[in-house]
Amino acid sequence: DVPAGSLKYFWGGAILLGGFGLIEVNSTQMTFSFIEHSERTLYQTTLNPRS
């Protein structure tokens, strides 16, 4: 089961031109971004290293 609030889904509609996912990783964190065609960030989350 998927925990409540943890599933992120976006339906762009018929006229949206698309977008892409971006993953940035460095020694302290990993950031996931979902960006639409106009360069606007739709969703972003950051994960820290496991301890």
N, C-alpha and C. Protein backbone atom coordinates (compact mmCIF):
# COMPACT_ATOMS: atom_id res chain seq x y z
N ASP A 1 0.83 -1.19 0.00
CA ASP A 1 0.00 0.00 0.00
C ASP A 1 0.87 1.25 0.00
N VAL A 2 0.38 2.28 -0.67
CA VAL A 2 1.09 3.57 -0.71
C VAL A 2 0.57 4.42 0.45
N PRO A 3 1.46 4.91 1.32
CA PRO A 3 1.02 5.75 2.44
C PRO A 3 0.31 7.02 1.95
N ALA A 4 -0.71 7.44 2.66
CA ALA A 4 -1.46 8.65 2.30
C ALA A 4 -0.52 9.85 2.21
N GLY A 5 -0.67 10.65 1.14
CA GLY A 5 0.14 11.85 0.96
C GLY A 5 1.49 11.62 0.32
N SER A 6 1.86 10.36 0.04
CA SER A 6 3.19 10.11 -0.52
C SER A 6 3.19 9.93 -2.03
N LEU A 7 2.03 9.75 -2.64
CA LEU A 7 1.95 9.57 -4.09
C LEU A 7 1.67 10.90 -4.76
N LYS A 8 2.53 11.32 -5.67
CA LYS A 8 2.37 12.59 -6.38
C LYS A 8 2.10 12.28 -7.84
N TYR A 9 0.98 12.78 -8.37
CA TYR A 9 0.60 12.51 -9.75
C TYR A 9 0.07 13.80 -10.35
N PHE A 10 0.48 14.08 -11.57
CA PHE A 10 0.03 15.30 -12.25
C PHE A 10 -0.45 14.94 -13.64
N TRP A 11 -1.67 15.33 -13.95
CA TRP A 11 -2.22 15.14 -15.29
C TRP A 11 -2.24 16.51 -15.96
N GLY A 12 -1.45 16.67 -17.04
CA GLY A 12 -1.26 17.97 -17.65
C GLY A 12 -2.38 18.48 -18.52
N GLY A 13 -3.26 17.62 -19.00
CA GLY A 13 -4.33 18.06 -19.88
C GLY A 13 -3.94 17.91 -21.34
N ALA A 14 -4.87 18.21 -22.22
CA ALA A 14 -4.69 17.95 -23.65
C ALA A 14 -3.74 18.92 -24.35
N ILE A 15 -3.61 20.16 -23.87
CA ILE A 15 -2.83 21.15 -24.62
C ILE A 15 -1.45 21.44 -24.02
N LEU A 16 -1.09 20.75 -22.96
CA LEU A 16 0.21 20.97 -22.34
C LEU A 16 1.32 20.39 -23.22
N LEU A 17 2.44 21.09 -23.34
CA LEU A 17 3.51 20.71 -24.25
C LEU A 17 4.51 19.72 -23.66
N GLY A 18 4.35 19.32 -22.44
CA GLY A 18 5.25 18.34 -21.85
C GLY A 18 6.18 18.95 -20.82
N GLY A 19 7.15 18.17 -20.41
CA GLY A 19 8.10 18.61 -19.40
C GLY A 19 9.13 17.53 -19.17
N PHE A 20 9.80 17.58 -18.03
CA PHE A 20 10.84 16.60 -17.76
C PHE A 20 11.09 16.49 -16.26
N GLY A 21 11.81 15.44 -15.90
CA GLY A 21 12.24 15.25 -14.52
C GLY A 21 13.72 15.58 -14.40
N LEU A 22 14.10 16.16 -13.28
CA LEU A 22 15.48 16.54 -13.02
C LEU A 22 15.89 15.96 -11.68
N ILE A 23 17.04 15.29 -11.64
CA ILE A 23 17.59 14.76 -10.39
C ILE A 23 18.97 15.37 -10.19
N GLU A 24 19.15 16.05 -9.06
CA GLU A 24 20.43 16.66 -8.71
C GLU A 24 20.97 15.95 -7.47
N VAL A 25 22.22 15.51 -7.54
CA VAL A 25 22.83 14.75 -6.44
C VAL A 25 24.16 15.38 -6.06
N ASN A 26 24.37 15.56 -4.75
CA ASN A 26 25.69 15.97 -4.26
C ASN A 26 25.99 15.16 -3.00
N SER A 27 27.02 15.50 -2.29
CA SER A 27 27.44 14.70 -1.13
C SER A 27 26.50 14.81 0.07
N THR A 28 25.60 15.79 0.08
CA THR A 28 24.74 15.98 1.24
C THR A 28 23.26 15.71 0.99
N GLN A 29 22.81 15.70 -0.29
CA GLN A 29 21.38 15.50 -0.55
C GLN A 29 21.13 15.13 -2.01
N MET A 30 19.89 14.68 -2.27
CA MET A 30 19.44 14.38 -3.63
C MET A 30 18.10 15.08 -3.82
N THR A 31 17.96 15.86 -4.89
CA THR A 31 16.75 16.62 -5.14
C THR A 31 16.09 16.14 -6.42
N PHE A 32 14.78 15.83 -6.34
CA PHE A 32 13.98 15.44 -7.49
C PHE A 32 13.06 16.60 -7.84
N SER A 33 13.03 16.99 -9.11
CA SER A 33 12.16 18.07 -9.57
C SER A 33 11.40 17.62 -10.80
N PHE A 34 10.13 18.00 -10.89
CA PHE A 34 9.32 17.79 -12.08
C PHE A 34 9.02 19.16 -12.66
N ILE A 35 9.45 19.41 -13.89
CA ILE A 35 9.42 20.74 -14.48
C ILE A 35 8.60 20.72 -15.76
N GLU A 36 7.69 21.69 -15.93
CA GLU A 36 6.87 21.73 -17.14
C GLU A 36 7.60 22.47 -18.25
N HIS A 37 6.99 22.51 -19.43
CA HIS A 37 7.64 23.07 -20.63
C HIS A 37 8.04 24.53 -20.48
N SER A 38 7.37 25.28 -19.63
CA SER A 38 7.68 26.71 -19.45
C SER A 38 8.75 26.94 -18.37
N GLU A 39 9.38 25.87 -17.92
CA GLU A 39 10.44 25.88 -16.90
C GLU A 39 9.92 26.12 -15.49
N ARG A 40 8.61 26.01 -15.29
CA ARG A 40 8.03 26.15 -13.95
C ARG A 40 8.11 24.81 -13.24
N THR A 41 8.61 24.80 -12.00
CA THR A 41 8.70 23.58 -11.22
C THR A 41 7.33 23.23 -10.67
N LEU A 42 6.83 22.03 -11.03
CA LEU A 42 5.53 21.58 -10.56
C LEU A 42 5.62 20.91 -9.19
N TYR A 43 6.71 20.20 -8.95
CA TYR A 43 6.89 19.47 -7.70
C TYR A 43 8.38 19.28 -7.45
N GLN A 44 8.77 19.38 -6.20
CA GLN A 44 10.18 19.19 -5.85
C GLN A 44 10.27 18.61 -4.44
N THR A 45 11.16 17.65 -4.28
CA THR A 45 11.40 17.09 -2.95
C THR A 45 12.89 16.78 -2.81
N THR A 46 13.37 16.81 -1.59
CA THR A 46 14.78 16.56 -1.31
C THR A 46 14.91 15.39 -0.34
N LEU A 47 15.86 14.51 -0.63
CA LEU A 47 16.17 13.38 0.24
C LEU A 47 17.58 13.53 0.79
N ASN A 48 17.72 13.26 2.08
CA ASN A 48 19.03 13.27 2.72
C ASN A 48 19.59 11.86 2.75
N PRO A 49 20.89 11.70 2.93
CA PRO A 49 21.47 10.36 2.98
C PRO A 49 20.88 9.53 4.12
N ARG A 50 20.86 8.22 3.91
CA ARG A 50 20.44 7.31 4.98
C ARG A 50 21.51 7.31 6.07
N SER A 51 21.07 7.14 7.29
CA SER A 51 22.04 7.13 8.40
C SER A 51 22.36 5.72 8.83
